[in-house]
């Protein structure tokens, strides 16, 4: 791949499809095999490096920034109570406000037509 990777970079690799989930691990070691770089990766929570070697062509990209705690909000929104709080209640408030505006506009137009 065109991007340069170094030990310590967090990369996403593997087949990205509906059936296979890509893996995101840190580069633990870089080996050279006749000019071709081979990446040895390791999950931060794992004790030992991954058995599977990663070729540059298998790398989808590297992590360039993180958004701490966003995962907690996503997990919370997946639960029924969280979904209600984060999705349903705000959506209902927006719909209610739009209905209120439409009613006010209808009343205004009726009064305007009544004046004619």
PDB file of N, CA and C in Angstrom:
ATOM      1  N   UNK A   1       0.840  -1.193   0.000  1.00  0.00           N
ATOM      2  CA  UNK A   1       0.000   0.000   0.000  1.00  0.00           C
ATOM      3  C   UNK A   1       0.876   1.245   0.000  1.00  0.00           C
ATOM      4  N   UNK A   2       0.302   2.367  -0.354  1.00  0.00           N
ATOM      5  CA  UNK A   2       1.056   3.606  -0.501  1.00  0.00           C
ATOM      6  C   UNK A   2       1.443   4.195   0.855  1.00  0.00           C
ATOM      7  N   UNK A   3       0.628   3.936   1.876  1.00  0.00           N
ATOM      8  CA  UNK A   3       0.884   4.508   3.189  1.00  0.00           C
ATOM      9  C   UNK A   3       2.013   3.757   3.899  1.00  0.00           C
ATOM     10  N   UNK A   4       2.822   4.499   4.630  1.00  0.00           N
ATOM     11  CA  UNK A   4       3.904   3.887   5.406  1.00  0.00           C
ATOM     12  C   UNK A   4       3.388   3.578   6.806  1.00  0.00           C
ATOM     13  N   UNK A   5       3.684   2.391   7.275  1.00  0.00           N
ATOM     14  CA  UNK A   5       3.274   1.979   8.612  1.00  0.00           C
ATOM     15  C   UNK A   5       4.512   1.696   9.437  1.00  0.00           C
ATOM     16  N   UNK A   6       4.430   1.973  10.737  1.00  0.00           N
ATOM     17  CA  UNK A   6       5.560   1.724  11.629  1.00  0.00           C
ATOM     18  C   UNK A   6       5.079   0.973  12.876  1.00  0.00           C
ATOM     19  N   UNK A   7       6.028   0.401  13.598  1.00  0.00           N
ATOM     20  CA  UNK A   7       5.706  -0.304  14.836  1.00  0.00           C
ATOM     21  C   UNK A   7       4.980   0.669  15.763  1.00  0.00           C
ATOM     22  N   UNK A   8       3.879   0.217  16.339  1.00  0.00           N
ATOM     23  CA  UNK A   8       3.078   1.061  17.229  1.00  0.00           C
ATOM     24  C   UNK A   8       1.825   1.604  16.568  1.00  0.00           C
ATOM     25  N   UNK A   9       1.818   1.678  15.222  1.00  0.00           N
ATOM     26  CA  UNK A   9       0.612   2.134  14.514  1.00  0.00           C
ATOM     27  C   UNK A   9      -0.517   1.134  14.734  1.00  0.00           C
ATOM     28  N   UNK A  10      -1.724   1.638  14.841  1.00  0.00           N
ATOM     29  CA  UNK A  10      -2.904   0.780  14.957  1.00  0.00           C
ATOM     30  C   UNK A  10      -3.514   0.699  13.566  1.00  0.00           C
ATOM     31  N   UNK A  11      -3.601  -0.530  13.039  1.00  0.00           N
ATOM     32  CA  UNK A  11      -4.083  -0.727  11.667  1.00  0.00           C
ATOM     33  C   UNK A  11      -5.333  -1.602  11.643  1.00  0.00           C
ATOM     34  N   UNK A  12      -6.122  -1.427  10.594  1.00  0.00           N
ATOM     35  CA  UNK A  12      -7.274  -2.290  10.337  1.00  0.00           C
ATOM     36  C   UNK A  12      -6.937  -3.111   9.109  1.00  0.00           C
ATOM     37  N   UNK A  13      -7.145  -4.420   9.222  1.00  0.00           N
ATOM     38  CA  UNK A  13      -6.765  -5.318   8.133  1.00  0.00           C
ATOM     39  C   UNK A  13      -7.741  -6.477   8.032  1.00  0.00           C
ATOM     40  N   UNK A  14      -7.652  -7.181   6.931  1.00  0.00           N
ATOM     41  CA  UNK A  14      -8.507  -8.343   6.709  1.00  0.00           C
ATOM     42  C   UNK A  14      -9.594  -8.018   5.715  1.00  0.00           C
ATOM     43  N   UNK A  15     -10.309  -9.039   5.307  1.00  0.00           N
ATOM     44  CA  UNK A  15     -11.396  -8.887   4.337  1.00  0.00           C
ATOM     45  C   UNK A  15     -12.536  -8.098   4.974  1.00  0.00           C
ATOM     46  N   UNK A  16     -12.968  -7.066   4.273  1.00  0.00           N
ATOM     47  CA  UNK A  16     -14.090  -6.268   4.753  1.00  0.00           C
ATOM     48  C   UNK A  16     -15.292  -6.643   3.901  1.00  0.00           C
ATOM     49  N   UNK A  17     -16.188  -7.412   4.483  1.00  0.00           N
ATOM     50  CA  UNK A  17     -17.379  -7.860   3.761  1.00  0.00           C
ATOM     51  C   UNK A  17     -18.504  -8.067   4.758  1.00  0.00           C
ATOM     52  N   UNK A  18     -19.662  -8.490   4.256  1.00  0.00           N
ATOM     53  CA  UNK A  18     -20.804  -8.725   5.140  1.00  0.00           C
ATOM     54  C   UNK A  18     -20.556  -9.897   6.084  1.00  0.00           C
ATOM     55  N   UNK A  19     -19.753 -10.860   5.649  1.00  0.00           N
ATOM     56  CA  UNK A  19     -19.539 -12.060   6.461  1.00  0.00           C
ATOM     57  C   UNK A  19     -18.279 -11.999   7.314  1.00  0.00           C
ATOM     58  N   UNK A  20     -17.318 -11.190   6.931  1.00  0.00           N
ATOM     59  CA  UNK A  20     -16.076 -11.112   7.697  1.00  0.00           C
ATOM     60  C   UNK A  20     -15.868  -9.717   8.267  1.00  0.00           C
ATOM     61  N   UNK A  21     -15.557  -9.666   9.542  1.00  0.00           N
ATOM     62  CA  UNK A  21     -15.288  -8.406  10.210  1.00  0.00           C
ATOM     63  C   UNK A  21     -13.786  -8.151  10.177  1.00  0.00           C
ATOM     64  N   UNK A  22     -13.369  -6.956   9.787  1.00  0.00           N
ATOM     65  CA  UNK A  22     -11.936  -6.666   9.791  1.00  0.00           C
ATOM     66  C   UNK A  22     -11.401  -6.625  11.230  1.00  0.00           C
ATOM     67  N   UNK A  23     -10.103  -6.733  11.363  1.00  0.00           N
ATOM     68  CA  UNK A  23      -9.445  -6.710  12.668  1.00  0.00           C
ATOM     69  C   UNK A  23      -8.685  -5.396  12.801  1.00  0.00           C
ATOM     70  N   UNK A  24      -8.702  -4.815  13.989  1.00  0.00           N
ATOM     71  CA  UNK A  24      -7.925  -3.608  14.265  1.00  0.00           C
ATOM     72  C   UNK A  24      -6.974  -3.927  15.409  1.00  0.00           C
ATOM     73  N   UNK A  25      -5.681  -4.004  15.104  1.00  0.00           N
ATOM     74  CA  UNK A  25      -4.647  -4.303  16.092  1.00  0.00           C
ATOM     75  C   UNK A  25      -3.447  -3.391  15.870  1.00  0.00           C
ATOM     76  N   UNK A  26      -2.560  -3.383  16.848  1.00  0.00           N
ATOM     77  CA  UNK A  26      -1.352  -2.563  16.802  1.00  0.00           C
ATOM     78  C   UNK A  26      -0.224  -3.346  16.120  1.00  0.00           C
ATOM     79  N   UNK A  27       0.592  -2.635  15.316  1.00  0.00           N
ATOM     80  CA  UNK A  27       1.759  -3.279  14.703  1.00  0.00           C
ATOM     81  C   UNK A  27       2.789  -3.526  15.805  1.00  0.00           C
ATOM     82  N   UNK A  28       3.161  -4.782  15.958  1.00  0.00           N
ATOM     83  CA  UNK A  28       4.084  -5.225  17.000  1.00  0.00           C
ATOM     84  C   UNK A  28       5.508  -5.330  16.452  1.00  0.00           C
ATOM     85  N   UNK A  29       5.595  -5.768  15.188  1.00  0.00           N
ATOM     86  CA  UNK A  29       6.898  -5.982  14.554  1.00  0.00           C
ATOM     87  C   UNK A  29       6.722  -5.917  13.039  1.00  0.00           C
ATOM     88  N   UNK A  30       7.760  -5.466  12.335  1.00  0.00           N
ATOM     89  CA  UNK A  30       7.734  -5.449  10.866  1.00  0.00           C
ATOM     90  C   UNK A  30       8.914  -6.280  10.375  1.00  0.00           C
ATOM     91  N   UNK A  31       8.602  -7.277   9.538  1.00  0.00           N
ATOM     92  CA  UNK A  31       9.645  -8.136   8.963  1.00  0.00           C
ATOM     93  C   UNK A  31       9.781  -7.807   7.481  1.00  0.00           C
ATOM     94  N   UNK A  32      10.951  -8.096   6.930  1.00  0.00           N
ATOM     95  CA  UNK A  32      11.188  -7.893   5.501  1.00  0.00           C
ATOM     96  C   UNK A  32      11.365  -9.251   4.839  1.00  0.00           C
ATOM     97  N   UNK A  33      10.544  -9.536   3.840  1.00  0.00           N
ATOM     98  CA  UNK A  33      10.624 -10.800   3.108  1.00  0.00           C
ATOM     99  C   UNK A  33      10.925 -10.478   1.647  1.00  0.00           C
ATOM    100  N   UNK A  34      12.206 -10.443   1.291  1.00  0.00           N
ATOM    101  CA  UNK A  34      12.637 -10.100  -0.074  1.00  0.00           C
ATOM    102  C   UNK A  34      12.047  -8.769  -0.549  1.00  0.00           C
ATOM    103  N   UNK A  35      12.116  -7.764   0.292  1.00  0.00           N
ATOM    104  CA  UNK A  35      11.626  -6.437  -0.070  1.00  0.00           C
ATOM    105  C   UNK A  35      10.154  -6.211   0.220  1.00  0.00           C
ATOM    106  N   UNK A  36       9.447  -7.273   0.572  1.00  0.00           N
ATOM    107  CA  UNK A  36       8.022  -7.123   0.904  1.00  0.00           C
ATOM    108  C   UNK A  36       7.879  -7.078   2.425  1.00  0.00           C
ATOM    109  N   UNK A  37       7.218  -6.033   2.916  1.00  0.00           N
ATOM    110  CA  UNK A  37       7.042  -5.897   4.360  1.00  0.00           C
ATOM    111  C   UNK A  37       5.936  -6.834   4.836  1.00  0.00           C
ATOM    112  N   UNK A  38       6.211  -7.500   5.940  1.00  0.00           N
ATOM    113  CA  UNK A  38       5.223  -8.362   6.587  1.00  0.00           C
ATOM    114  C   UNK A  38       5.026  -7.812   7.995  1.00  0.00           C
ATOM    115  N   UNK A  39       3.778  -7.571   8.343  1.00  0.00           N
ATOM    116  CA  UNK A  39       3.458  -6.953   9.626  1.00  0.00           C
ATOM    117  C   UNK A  39       2.981  -8.008  10.616  1.00  0.00           C
ATOM    118  N   UNK A  40       3.574  -7.969  11.809  1.00  0.00           N
ATOM    119  CA  UNK A  40       3.141  -8.820  12.913  1.00  0.00           C
ATOM    120  C   UNK A  40       2.340  -7.897  13.830  1.00  0.00           C
ATOM    121  N   UNK A  41       1.108  -8.281  14.116  1.00  0.00           N
ATOM    122  CA  UNK A  41       0.234  -7.421  14.910  1.00  0.00           C
ATOM    123  C   UNK A  41      -0.082  -8.076  16.249  1.00  0.00           C
ATOM    124  N   UNK A  42      -0.611  -7.254  17.157  1.00  0.00           N
ATOM    125  CA  UNK A  42      -0.981  -7.750  18.483  1.00  0.00           C
ATOM    126  C   UNK A  42      -2.114  -6.878  19.003  1.00  0.00           C
ATOM    127  N   UNK A  43      -3.154  -7.519  19.478  1.00  0.00           N
ATOM    128  CA  UNK A  43      -4.241  -6.779  20.119  1.00  0.00           C
ATOM    129  C   UNK A  43      -3.753  -6.230  21.446  1.00  0.00           C
ATOM    130  N   UNK A  44      -4.155  -5.021  21.799  1.00  0.00           N
ATOM    131  CA  UNK A  44      -3.687  -4.400  23.045  1.00  0.00           C
ATOM    132  C   UNK A  44      -4.030  -5.235  24.281  1.00  0.00           C
ATOM    133  N   UNK A  45      -5.151  -5.960  24.237  1.00  0.00           N
ATOM    134  CA  UNK A  45      -5.572  -6.764  25.389  1.00  0.00           C
ATOM    135  C   UNK A  45      -4.999  -8.183  25.351  1.00  0.00           C
ATOM    136  N   UNK A  46      -4.276  -8.514  24.291  1.00  0.00           N
ATOM    137  CA  UNK A  46      -3.731  -9.869  24.141  1.00  0.00           C
ATOM    138  C   UNK A  46      -2.322  -9.963  24.723  1.00  0.00           C
ATOM    139  N   UNK A  47      -1.987 -11.154  25.233  1.00  0.00           N
ATOM    140  CA  UNK A  47      -0.658 -11.369  25.822  1.00  0.00           C
ATOM    141  C   UNK A  47       0.416 -11.604  24.774  1.00  0.00           C
ATOM    142  N   UNK A  48       0.041 -12.192  23.649  1.00  0.00           N
ATOM    143  CA  UNK A  48       1.038 -12.523  22.631  1.00  0.00           C
ATOM    144  C   UNK A  48       0.614 -11.995  21.263  1.00  0.00           C
ATOM    145  N   UNK A  49       1.585 -11.834  20.358  1.00  0.00           N
ATOM    146  CA  UNK A  49       1.267 -11.353  19.004  1.00  0.00           C
ATOM    147  C   UNK A  49       0.351 -12.323  18.260  1.00  0.00           C
ATOM    148  N   UNK A  50      -0.335 -11.802  17.246  1.00  0.00           N
ATOM    149  CA  UNK A  50      -1.213 -12.629  16.409  1.00  0.00           C
ATOM    150  C   UNK A  50      -0.372 -13.630  15.626  1.00  0.00           C
ATOM    151  N   UNK A  51      -0.919 -14.816  15.399  1.00  0.00           N
ATOM    152  CA  UNK A  51      -0.234 -15.850  14.621  1.00  0.00           C
ATOM    153  C   UNK A  51      -0.212 -15.475  13.133  1.00  0.00           C
ATOM    154  N   UNK A  52      -1.295 -14.860  12.670  1.00  0.00           N
ATOM    155  CA  UNK A  52      -1.449 -14.520  11.253  1.00  0.00           C
ATOM    156  C   UNK A  52      -0.602 -13.301  10.896  1.00  0.00           C
ATOM    157  N   UNK A  53       0.275 -13.454   9.906  1.00  0.00           N
ATOM    158  CA  UNK A  53       1.062 -12.321   9.420  1.00  0.00           C
ATOM    159  C   UNK A  53       0.196 -11.497   8.476  1.00  0.00           C
ATOM    160  N   UNK A  54       0.437 -10.202   8.424  1.00  0.00           N
ATOM    161  CA  UNK A  54      -0.372  -9.298   7.605  1.00  0.00           C
ATOM    162  C   UNK A  54       0.504  -8.683   6.515  1.00  0.00           C
ATOM    163  N   UNK A  55       0.044  -8.767   5.273  1.00  0.00           N
ATOM    164  CA  UNK A  55       0.735  -8.129   4.152  1.00  0.00           C
ATOM    165  C   UNK A  55       0.211  -6.705   4.004  1.00  0.00           C
ATOM    166  N   UNK A  56       1.032  -5.835   3.427  1.00  0.00           N
ATOM    167  CA  UNK A  56       0.618  -4.452   3.208  1.00  0.00           C
ATOM    168  C   UNK A  56      -0.667  -4.341   2.404  1.00  0.00           C
ATOM    169  N   UNK A  57      -0.854  -5.248   1.449  1.00  0.00           N
ATOM    170  CA  UNK A  57      -2.052  -5.221   0.596  1.00  0.00           C
ATOM    171  C   UNK A  57      -3.326  -5.563   1.366  1.00  0.00           C
ATOM    172  N   UNK A  58      -3.177  -6.163   2.547  1.00  0.00           N
ATOM    173  CA  UNK A  58      -4.339  -6.544   3.358  1.00  0.00           C
ATOM    174  C   UNK A  58      -4.763  -5.445   4.325  1.00  0.00           C
ATOM    175  N   UNK A  59      -3.952  -4.384   4.396  1.00  0.00           N
ATOM    176  CA  UNK A  59      -4.236  -3.303   5.339  1.00  0.00           C
ATOM    177  C   UNK A  59      -5.209  -2.311   4.712  1.00  0.00           C
ATOM    178  N   UNK A  60      -6.318  -2.066   5.414  1.00  0.00           N
ATOM    179  CA  UNK A  60      -7.330  -1.117   4.939  1.00  0.00           C
ATOM    180  C   UNK A  60      -6.935   0.311   5.307  1.00  0.00           C
ATOM    181  N   UNK A  61      -6.223   0.476   6.420  1.00  0.00           N
ATOM    182  CA  UNK A  61      -5.812   1.806   6.851  1.00  0.00           C
ATOM    183  C   UNK A  61      -5.348   1.781   8.286  1.00  0.00           C
ATOM    184  N   UNK A  62      -4.942   2.962   8.769  1.00  0.00           N
ATOM    185  CA  UNK A  62      -4.501   3.032  10.161  1.00  0.00           C
ATOM    186  C   UNK A  62      -5.334   4.052  10.917  1.00  0.00           C
ATOM    187  N   UNK A  63      -5.370   3.874  12.218  1.00  0.00           N
ATOM    188  CA  UNK A  63      -6.121   4.775  13.085  1.00  0.00           C
ATOM    189  C   UNK A  63      -5.386   6.112  13.119  1.00  0.00           C
ATOM    190  N   UNK A  64      -6.126   7.191  12.818  1.00  0.00           N
ATOM    191  CA  UNK A  64      -5.499   8.519  12.845  1.00  0.00           C
ATOM    192  C   UNK A  64      -6.024   9.364  14.002  1.00  0.00           C
ATOM    193  N   UNK A  65      -7.186   8.997  14.560  1.00  0.00           N
ATOM    194  CA  UNK A  65      -7.671   9.662  15.768  1.00  0.00           C
ATOM    195  C   UNK A  65      -8.646   8.733  16.473  1.00  0.00           C
ATOM    196  N   UNK A  66      -8.847   8.977  17.753  1.00  0.00           N
ATOM    197  CA  UNK A  66      -9.816   8.184  18.511  1.00  0.00           C
ATOM    198  C   UNK A  66     -10.832   9.126  19.135  1.00  0.00           C
ATOM    199  N   UNK A  67     -12.016   8.609  19.358  1.00  0.00           N
ATOM    200  CA  UNK A  67     -13.082   9.372  20.009  1.00  0.00           C
ATOM    201  C   UNK A  67     -13.476   8.595  21.269  1.00  0.00           C
ATOM    202  N   UNK A  68     -12.780   8.871  22.370  1.00  0.00           N
ATOM    203  CA  UNK A  68     -13.033   8.114  23.597  1.00  0.00           C
ATOM    204  C   UNK A  68     -14.491   8.200  24.040  1.00  0.00           C
ATOM    205  N   UNK A  69     -14.991   7.111  24.557  1.00  0.00           N
ATOM    206  CA  UNK A  69     -16.332   6.986  25.150  1.00  0.00           C
ATOM    207  C   UNK A  69     -17.484   6.978  24.158  1.00  0.00           C
ATOM    208  N   UNK A  70     -17.246   7.200  22.862  1.00  0.00           N
ATOM    209  CA  UNK A  70     -18.323   7.159  21.870  1.00  0.00           C
ATOM    210  C   UNK A  70     -18.940   5.760  21.832  1.00  0.00           C
ATOM    211  N   UNK A  71     -18.114   4.755  22.003  1.00  0.00           N
ATOM    212  CA  UNK A  71     -18.600   3.373  22.013  1.00  0.00           C
ATOM    213  C   UNK A  71     -19.624   3.122  23.101  1.00  0.00           C
ATOM    214  N   UNK A  72     -19.458   3.784  24.257  1.00  0.00           N
ATOM    215  CA  UNK A  72     -20.422   3.620  25.343  1.00  0.00           C
ATOM    216  C   UNK A  72     -21.794   4.144  24.932  1.00  0.00           C
ATOM    217  N   UNK A  73     -21.832   5.287  24.256  1.00  0.00           N
ATOM    218  CA  UNK A  73     -23.103   5.863  23.799  1.00  0.00           C
ATOM    219  C   UNK A  73     -23.762   4.956  22.770  1.00  0.00           C
ATOM    220  N   UNK A  74     -22.963   4.394  21.863  1.00  0.00           N
ATOM    221  CA  UNK A  74     -23.495   3.483  20.841  1.00  0.00           C
ATOM    222  C   UNK A  74     -24.076   2.236  21.502  1.00  0.00           C
ATOM    223  N   UNK A  75     -23.339   1.653  22.459  1.00  0.00           N
ATOM    224  CA  UNK A  75     -23.840   0.472  23.176  1.00  0.00           C
ATOM    225  C   UNK A  75     -25.117   0.801  23.942  1.00  0.00           C
ATOM    226  N   UNK A  76     -25.150   1.977  24.576  1.00  0.00           N
ATOM    227  CA  UNK A  76     -26.327   2.408  25.330  1.00  0.00           C
ATOM    228  C   UNK A  76     -27.531   2.553  24.403  1.00  0.00           C
ATOM    229  N   UNK A  77     -27.312   3.113  23.209  1.00  0.00           N
ATOM    230  CA  UNK A  77     -28.402   3.326  22.248  1.00  0.00           C
ATOM    231  C   UNK A  77     -28.953   2.010  21.711  1.00  0.00           C
ATOM    232  N   UNK A  78     -28.183   0.931  21.806  1.00  0.00           N
ATOM    233  CA  UNK A  78     -28.641  -0.380  21.329  1.00  0.00           C
ATOM    234  C   UNK A  78     -29.601  -1.045  22.316  1.00  0.00           C
ATOM    235  N   UNK A  79     -29.580  -0.599  23.575  1.00  0.00           N
ATOM    236  CA  UNK A  79     -30.472  -1.161  24.591  1.00  0.00           C
ATOM    237  C   UNK A  79     -31.821  -0.438  24.510  1.00  0.00           C
ATOM    238  N   UNK A  80     -32.929  -1.130  24.840  1.00  0.00           N
ATOM    239  CA  UNK A  80     -34.263  -0.498  24.717  1.00  0.00           C
ATOM    240  C   UNK A  80     -34.376   0.857  25.416  1.00  0.00           C
ATOM    241  N   UNK A  81     -33.917   0.955  26.676  1.00  0.00           N
ATOM    242  CA  UNK A  81     -34.025   2.224  27.401  1.00  0.00           C
ATOM    243  C   UNK A  81     -33.159   3.298  26.747  1.00  0.00           C
ATOM    244  N   UNK A  82     -31.957   2.920  26.343  1.00  0.00           N
ATOM    245  CA  UNK A  82     -31.054   3.867  25.684  1.00  0.00           C
ATOM    246  C   UNK A  82     -31.612   4.337  24.357  1.00  0.00           C
ATOM    247  N   UNK A  83     -32.203   3.411  23.599  1.00  0.00           N
ATOM    248  CA  UNK A  83     -32.817   3.751  22.309  1.00  0.00           C
ATOM    249  C   UNK A  83     -33.935   4.773  22.521  1.00  0.00           C
ATOM    250  N   UNK A  84     -34.764   4.543  23.553  1.00  0.00           N
ATOM    251  CA  UNK A  84     -35.849   5.491  23.865  1.00  0.00           C
ATOM    252  C   UNK A  84     -35.270   6.871  24.175  1.00  0.00           C
ATOM    253  N   UNK A  85     -34.258   6.886  25.033  1.00  0.00           N
ATOM    254  CA  UNK A  85     -33.688   8.147  25.496  1.00  0.00           C
ATOM    255  C   UNK A  85     -32.952   8.905  24.391  1.00  0.00           C
ATOM    256  N   UNK A  86     -32.172   8.188  23.590  1.00  0.00           N
ATOM    257  CA  UNK A  86     -31.310   8.837  22.597  1.00  0.00           C
ATOM    258  C   UNK A  86     -32.004   9.052  21.251  1.00  0.00           C
ATOM    259  N   UNK A  87     -32.922   8.163  20.866  1.00  0.00           N
ATOM    260  CA  UNK A  87     -33.536   8.231  19.540  1.00  0.00           C
ATOM    261  C   UNK A  87     -35.006   8.636  19.599  1.00  0.00           C
ATOM    262  N   UNK A  88     -35.825   7.861  20.300  1.00  0.00           N
ATOM    263  CA  UNK A  88     -37.283   8.037  20.260  1.00  0.00           C
ATOM    264  C   UNK A  88     -37.730   9.367  20.863  1.00  0.00           C
ATOM    265  N   UNK A  89     -37.254   9.704  22.053  1.00  0.00           N
ATOM    266  CA  UNK A  89     -37.708  10.937  22.715  1.00  0.00           C
ATOM    267  C   UNK A  89     -37.310  12.185  21.918  1.00  0.00           C
ATOM    268  N   UNK A  90     -36.048  12.328  21.480  1.00  0.00           N
ATOM    269  CA  UNK A  90     -35.720  13.503  20.654  1.00  0.00           C
ATOM    270  C   UNK A  90     -36.520  13.544  19.340  1.00  0.00           C
ATOM    271  N   UNK A  91     -36.711  12.378  18.705  1.00  0.00           N
ATOM    272  CA  UNK A  91     -37.487  12.342  17.456  1.00  0.00           C
ATOM    273  C   UNK A  91     -38.925  12.780  17.717  1.00  0.00           C
ATOM    274  N   UNK A  92     -39.514  12.300  18.806  1.00  0.00           N
ATOM    275  CA  UNK A  92     -40.887  12.682  19.158  1.00  0.00           C
ATOM    276  C   UNK A  92     -40.973  14.183  19.428  1.00  0.00           C
ATOM    277  N   UNK A  93     -39.969  14.740  20.095  1.00  0.00           N
ATOM    278  CA  UNK A  93     -39.957  16.178  20.380  1.00  0.00           C
ATOM    279  C   UNK A  93     -39.895  16.987  19.087  1.00  0.00           C
ATOM    280  N   UNK A  94     -39.079  16.546  18.138  1.00  0.00           N
ATOM    281  CA  UNK A  94     -38.973  17.236  16.843  1.00  0.00           C
ATOM    282  C   UNK A  94     -40.298  17.154  16.090  1.00  0.00           C
ATOM    283  N   UNK A  95     -40.902  15.971  16.055  1.00  0.00           N
ATOM    284  CA  UNK A  95     -42.188  15.789  15.362  1.00  0.00           C
ATOM    285  C   UNK A  95     -43.263  16.655  16.012  1.00  0.00           C
ATOM    286  N   UNK A  96     -43.330  16.644  17.349  1.00  0.00           N
ATOM    287  CA  UNK A  96     -44.312  17.449  18.080  1.00  0.00           C
ATOM    288  C   UNK A  96     -44.147  18.927  17.741  1.00  0.00           C
ATOM    289  N   UNK A  97     -42.901  19.409  17.715  1.00  0.00           N
ATOM    290  CA  UNK A  97     -42.619  20.811  17.409  1.00  0.00           C
ATOM    291  C   UNK A  97     -43.044  21.160  15.980  1.00  0.00           C
ATOM    292  N   UNK A  98     -42.783  20.254  15.029  1.00  0.00           N
ATOM    293  CA  UNK A  98     -43.186  20.487  13.635  1.00  0.00           C
ATOM    294  C   UNK A  98     -44.712  20.542  13.506  1.00  0.00           C
ATOM    295  N   UNK A  99     -45.415  19.630  14.178  1.00  0.00           N
ATOM    296  CA  UNK A  99     -46.888  19.620  14.151  1.00  0.00           C
ATOM    297  C   UNK A  99     -47.421  20.930  14.733  1.00  0.00           C
ATOM    298  N   UNK A 100     -46.810  21.405  15.833  1.00  0.00           N
ATOM    299  CA  UNK A 100     -47.216  22.670  16.457  1.00  0.00           C
ATOM    300  C   UNK A 100     -47.038  23.832  15.477  1.00  0.00           C
ATOM    301  N   UNK A 101     -45.920  23.857  14.742  1.00  0.00           N
ATOM    302  CA  UNK A 101     -45.665  24.922  13.758  1.00  0.00           C
ATOM    303  C   UNK A 101     -46.682  24.870  12.620  1.00  0.00           C
ATOM    304  N   UNK A 102     -46.999  23.664  12.158  1.00  0.00           N
ATOM    305  CA  UNK A 102     -47.977  23.509  11.065  1.00  0.00           C
ATOM    306  C   UNK A 102     -49.352  23.995  11.511  1.00  0.00           C
ATOM    307  N   UNK A 103     -49.759  23.622  12.731  1.00  0.00           N
ATOM    308  CA  UNK A 103     -51.061  24.067  13.263  1.00  0.00           C
ATOM    309  C   UNK A 103     -51.116  25.594  13.348  1.00  0.00           C
ATOM    310  N   UNK A 104     -50.033  26.197  13.847  1.00  0.00           N
ATOM    311  CA  UNK A 104     -49.981  27.661  13.977  1.00  0.00           C
ATOM    312  C   UNK A 104     -50.083  28.317  12.604  1.00  0.00           C
ATOM    313  N   UNK A 105     -49.436  27.739  11.599  1.00  0.00           N
ATOM    314  CA  UNK A 105     -49.488  28.279  10.239  1.00  0.00           C
ATOM    315  C   UNK A 105     -50.893  28.152   9.655  1.00  0.00           C
ATOM    316  N   UNK A 106     -51.561  27.019   9.915  1.00  0.00           N
ATOM    317  CA  UNK A 106     -52.939  26.816   9.433  1.00  0.00           C
ATOM    318  C   UNK A 106     -53.868  27.861  10.057  1.00  0.00           C
ATOM    319  N   UNK A 107     -53.725  28.080  11.361  1.00  0.00           N
ATOM    320  CA  UNK A 107     -54.543  29.086  12.052  1.00  0.00           C
ATOM    321  C   UNK A 107     -54.274  30.466  11.462  1.00  0.00           C
ATOM    322  N   UNK A 108     -53.002  30.790  11.212  1.00  0.00           N
ATOM    323  CA  UNK A 108     -52.638  32.094  10.656  1.00  0.00           C
ATOM    324  C   UNK A 108     -53.262  32.277   9.271  1.00  0.00           C
ATOM    325  N   UNK A 109     -53.197  31.236   8.425  1.00  0.00           N
ATOM    326  CA  UNK A 109     -53.766  31.324   7.079  1.00  0.00           C
ATOM    327  C   UNK A 109     -55.287  31.464   7.119  1.00  0.00           C
ATOM    328  N   UNK A 110     -55.940  30.749   8.042  1.00  0.00           N
ATOM    329  CA  UNK A 110     -57.405  30.861   8.176  1.00  0.00           C
ATOM    330  C   UNK A 110     -57.808  32.279   8.579  1.00  0.00           C
ATOM    331  N   UNK A 111     -57.040  32.850   9.540  1.00  0.00           N
ATOM    332  CA  UNK A 111     -57.339  34.215   9.986  1.00  0.00           C
ATOM    333  C   UNK A 111     -57.116  35.205   8.851  1.00  0.00           C
ATOM    334  N   UNK A 112     -56.064  34.995   8.054  1.00  0.00           N
ATOM    335  CA  UNK A 112     -55.757  35.870   6.926  1.00  0.00           C
ATOM    336  C   UNK A 112     -56.884  35.789   5.890  1.00  0.00           C
ATOM    337  N   UNK A 113     -57.348  34.580   5.595  1.00  0.00           N
ATOM    338  CA  UNK A 113     -58.433  34.393   4.629  1.00  0.00           C
ATOM    339  C   UNK A 113     -59.748  34.957   5.156  1.00  0.00           C
ATOM    340  N   UNK A 114     -59.928  34.922   6.457  1.00  0.00           N
ATOM    341  CA  UNK A 114     -61.147  35.435   7.084  1.00  0.00           C
ATOM    342  C   UNK A 114     -61.223  36.951   6.960  1.00  0.00           C
ATOM    343  N   UNK A 115     -60.034  37.603   6.972  1.00  0.00           N
ATOM    344  CA  UNK A 115     -59.979  39.063   6.879  1.00  0.00           C
ATOM    345  C   UNK A 115     -60.385  39.543   5.493  1.00  0.00           C
ATOM    346  N   UNK A 116     -60.175  38.698   4.469  1.00  0.00           N
ATOM    347  CA  UNK A 116     -60.468  39.111   3.093  1.00  0.00           C
ATOM    348  C   UNK A 116     -61.910  39.255   2.824  1.00  0.00           C
TER     349      UNK A 116
END
